[in-house]
Amino acid sequence: MTNEEAQLALDELRAAIDAVDIRILALFNERAGVVSGIGDIKKQMTMPIYEPKREEEVFRNVISNNHGPLSEGAVRRLFERIIDEMRTLQRERMARETGKENSK
């Protein structure tokens, strides 16, 4: 492979990564929308945001459906981060809603 061929191949693969990243972003935002609905129900029912048992169910689900090449540990770490960000989204949203209610 020449340097020019290598650069073309890299450019194509990087374009593919960019496209995948956009699809992942859309899925993250879709998940965030669902999480917002869950947060609304939790707030209304005065339920805690953090539910360790549910998080373990999520981990079991994604790990059992992982067919690689990511390792089990990698999948768990990725979803730990995703769940953490979703919890933050719920907290921030609840705080904004509480602030709106208090200002009425």
C-alpha atoms as a PDB file:
ATOM      1  CA  MET A   1       0.000   0.000   0.000  1.00  0.00           C
ATOM      2  CA  THR A   2       1.343   3.378  -0.960  1.00  0.00           C
ATOM      3  CA  ASN A   3       1.177   6.416   1.302  1.00  0.00           C
ATOM      4  CA  GLU A   4      -1.536   7.865  -0.931  1.00  0.00           C
ATOM      5  CA  GLU A   5      -3.586   4.641  -0.752  1.00  0.00           C
ATOM      6  CA  ALA A   6      -3.146   4.522   2.999  1.00  0.00           C
ATOM      7  CA  GLN A   7      -4.319   8.115   3.356  1.00  0.00           C
ATOM      8  CA  LEU A   8      -7.382   7.424   1.182  1.00  0.00           C
ATOM      9  CA  ALA A   9      -8.215   4.332   3.240  1.00  0.00           C
ATOM     10  CA  LEU A  10      -7.827   6.321   6.478  1.00  0.00           C
ATOM     11  CA  ASP A  11     -10.028   9.109   5.123  1.00  0.00           C
ATOM     12  CA  GLU A  12     -12.759   6.598   4.220  1.00  0.00           C
ATOM     13  CA  LEU A  13     -12.593   4.888   7.606  1.00  0.00           C
ATOM     14  CA  ARG A  14     -12.644   8.226   9.414  1.00  0.00           C
ATOM     15  CA  ALA A  15     -15.706   9.272   7.416  1.00  0.00           C
ATOM     16  CA  ALA A  16     -17.339   5.996   8.474  1.00  0.00           C
ATOM     17  CA  ILE A  17     -16.504   6.768  12.122  1.00  0.00           C
ATOM     18  CA  ASP A  18     -18.014  10.248  11.744  1.00  0.00           C
ATOM     19  CA  ALA A  19     -21.237   8.714  10.402  1.00  0.00           C
ATOM     20  CA  VAL A  20     -21.369   6.141  13.216  1.00  0.00           C
ATOM     21  CA  ASP A  21     -20.761   8.894  15.782  1.00  0.00           C
ATOM     22  CA  ILE A  22     -23.780  10.812  14.474  1.00  0.00           C
ATOM     23  CA  ARG A  23     -25.941   7.676  14.780  1.00  0.00           C
ATOM     24  CA  ILE A  24     -24.660   7.094  18.327  1.00  0.00           C
ATOM     25  CA  LEU A  25     -25.427  10.716  19.206  1.00  0.00           C
ATOM     26  CA  ALA A  26     -28.981  10.313  17.910  1.00  0.00           C
ATOM     27  CA  LEU A  27     -29.384   7.186  20.063  1.00  0.00           C
ATOM     28  CA  PHE A  28     -27.967   8.972  23.130  1.00  0.00           C
ATOM     29  CA  ASN A  29     -30.498  11.752  22.632  1.00  0.00           C
ATOM     30  CA  GLU A  30     -33.288   9.222  22.121  1.00  0.00           C
ATOM     31  CA  ARG A  31     -32.249   7.513  25.369  1.00  0.00           C
ATOM     32  CA  ALA A  32     -32.150  10.905  27.112  1.00  0.00           C
ATOM     33  CA  GLY A  33     -35.731  11.548  26.028  1.00  0.00           C
ATOM     34  CA  VAL A  34     -36.844   8.264  27.573  1.00  0.00           C
ATOM     35  CA  VAL A  35     -34.841   9.031  30.714  1.00  0.00           C
ATOM     36  CA  SER A  36     -36.588  12.394  30.964  1.00  0.00           C
ATOM     37  CA  GLY A  37     -39.929  10.611  30.988  1.00  0.00           C
ATOM     38  CA  ILE A  38     -38.701   8.273  33.699  1.00  0.00           C
ATOM     39  CA  GLY A  39     -37.480  11.283  35.682  1.00  0.00           C
ATOM     40  CA  ASP A  40     -40.916  12.906  35.419  1.00  0.00           C
ATOM     41  CA  ILE A  41     -42.557   9.816  36.881  1.00  0.00           C
ATOM     42  CA  LYS A  42     -39.923   9.478  39.610  1.00  0.00           C
ATOM     43  CA  LYS A  43     -40.390  13.114  40.587  1.00  0.00           C
ATOM     44  CA  GLN A  44     -44.163  12.785  40.688  1.00  0.00           C
ATOM     45  CA  MET A  45     -43.901   9.615  42.785  1.00  0.00           C
ATOM     46  CA  THR A  46     -41.007  11.003  44.901  1.00  0.00           C
ATOM     47  CA  MET A  47     -38.818   8.069  43.905  1.00  0.00           C
ATOM     48  CA  PRO A  48     -35.021   8.196  44.031  1.00  0.00           C
ATOM     49  CA  ILE A  49     -33.088   8.839  40.842  1.00  0.00           C
ATOM     50  CA  TYR A  50     -30.409   6.291  41.698  1.00  0.00           C
ATOM     51  CA  GLU A  51     -31.649   2.704  41.518  1.00  0.00           C
ATOM     52  CA  PRO A  52     -28.707   0.280  41.805  1.00  0.00           C
ATOM     53  CA  LYS A  53     -30.825  -2.814  41.082  1.00  0.00           C
ATOM     54  CA  ARG A  54     -32.115  -1.306  37.845  1.00  0.00           C
ATOM     55  CA  GLU A  55     -28.607  -0.327  36.801  1.00  0.00           C
ATOM     56  CA  GLU A  56     -27.430  -3.899  37.335  1.00  0.00           C
ATOM     57  CA  GLU A  57     -30.310  -5.054  35.105  1.00  0.00           C
ATOM     58  CA  VAL A  58     -29.104  -2.658  32.401  1.00  0.00           C
ATOM     59  CA  PHE A  59     -25.540  -3.975  32.715  1.00  0.00           C
ATOM     60  CA  ARG A  60     -26.701  -7.603  32.534  1.00  0.00           C
ATOM     61  CA  ASN A  61     -28.833  -6.805  29.498  1.00  0.00           C
ATOM     62  CA  VAL A  62     -26.121  -5.086  27.480  1.00  0.00           C
ATOM     63  CA  ILE A  63     -23.364  -7.506  28.495  1.00  0.00           C
ATOM     64  CA  SER A  64     -25.473 -10.543  27.629  1.00  0.00           C
ATOM     65  CA  ASN A  65     -26.200  -9.023  24.210  1.00  0.00           C
ATOM     66  CA  ASN A  66     -22.608  -8.024  23.497  1.00  0.00           C
ATOM     67  CA  HIS A  67     -21.066  -9.990  20.655  1.00  0.00           C
ATOM     68  CA  GLY A  68     -17.751  -8.132  20.613  1.00  0.00           C
ATOM     69  CA  PRO A  69     -15.252  -6.972  19.807  1.00  0.00           C
ATOM     70  CA  LEU A  70     -15.739  -4.907  22.995  1.00  0.00           C
ATOM     71  CA  SER A  71     -14.952  -6.804  26.170  1.00  0.00           C
ATOM     72  CA  GLU A  72     -17.498  -7.243  28.952  1.00  0.00           C
ATOM     73  CA  GLY A  73     -15.520  -4.778  31.063  1.00  0.00           C
ATOM     74  CA  ALA A  74     -15.460  -2.204  28.269  1.00  0.00           C
ATOM     75  CA  VAL A  75     -19.223  -2.479  27.755  1.00  0.00           C
ATOM     76  CA  ARG A  76     -19.847  -2.099  31.474  1.00  0.00           C
ATOM     77  CA  ARG A  77     -17.577   0.963  31.704  1.00  0.00           C
ATOM     78  CA  LEU A  78     -19.262   2.598  28.707  1.00  0.00           C
ATOM     79  CA  PHE A  79     -22.718   2.037  30.161  1.00  0.00           C
ATOM     80  CA  GLU A  80     -21.613   3.187  33.620  1.00  0.00           C
ATOM     81  CA  ARG A  81     -20.692   6.487  32.014  1.00  0.00           C
ATOM     82  CA  ILE A  82     -23.894   6.686  29.963  1.00  0.00           C
ATOM     83  CA  ILE A  83     -26.028   5.948  33.030  1.00  0.00           C
ATOM     84  CA  ASP A  84     -24.107   8.499  35.087  1.00  0.00           C
ATOM     85  CA  GLU A  85     -24.783  11.184  32.472  1.00  0.00           C
ATOM     86  CA  MET A  86     -28.447  10.204  32.322  1.00  0.00           C
ATOM     87  CA  ARG A  87     -28.715  10.490  36.123  1.00  0.00           C
ATOM     88  CA  THR A  88     -27.182  13.958  35.866  1.00  0.00           C
ATOM     89  CA  LEU A  89     -29.767  14.841  33.216  1.00  0.00           C
ATOM     90  CA  GLN A  90     -32.575  13.701  35.553  1.00  0.00           C
ATOM     91  CA  ARG A  91     -31.171  15.682  38.485  1.00  0.00           C
ATOM     92  CA  GLU A  92     -30.710  18.856  36.458  1.00  0.00           C
ATOM     93  CA  ARG A  93     -34.164  18.559  34.932  1.00  0.00           C
ATOM     94  CA  MET A  94     -35.785  17.968  38.329  1.00  0.00           C
ATOM     95  CA  ALA A  95     -33.923  20.955  39.789  1.00  0.00           C
ATOM     96  CA  ARG A  96     -35.094  23.198  36.917  1.00  0.00           C
ATOM     97  CA  GLU A  97     -38.683  22.015  37.311  1.00  0.00           C
ATOM     98  CA  THR A  98     -38.567  22.538  41.085  1.00  0.00           C
ATOM     99  CA  GLY A  99     -37.176  26.032  40.528  1.00  0.00           C
ATOM    100  CA  LYS A 100     -40.025  26.838  38.132  1.00  0.00           C
ATOM    101  CA  GLU A 101     -42.590  25.569  40.615  1.00  0.00           C
ATOM    102  CA  ASN A 102     -41.073  27.629  43.437  1.00  0.00           C
ATOM    103  CA  SER A 103     -41.108  30.811  41.342  1.00  0.00           C
ATOM    104  CA  LYS A 104     -44.874  30.682  40.708  1.00  0.00           C
END
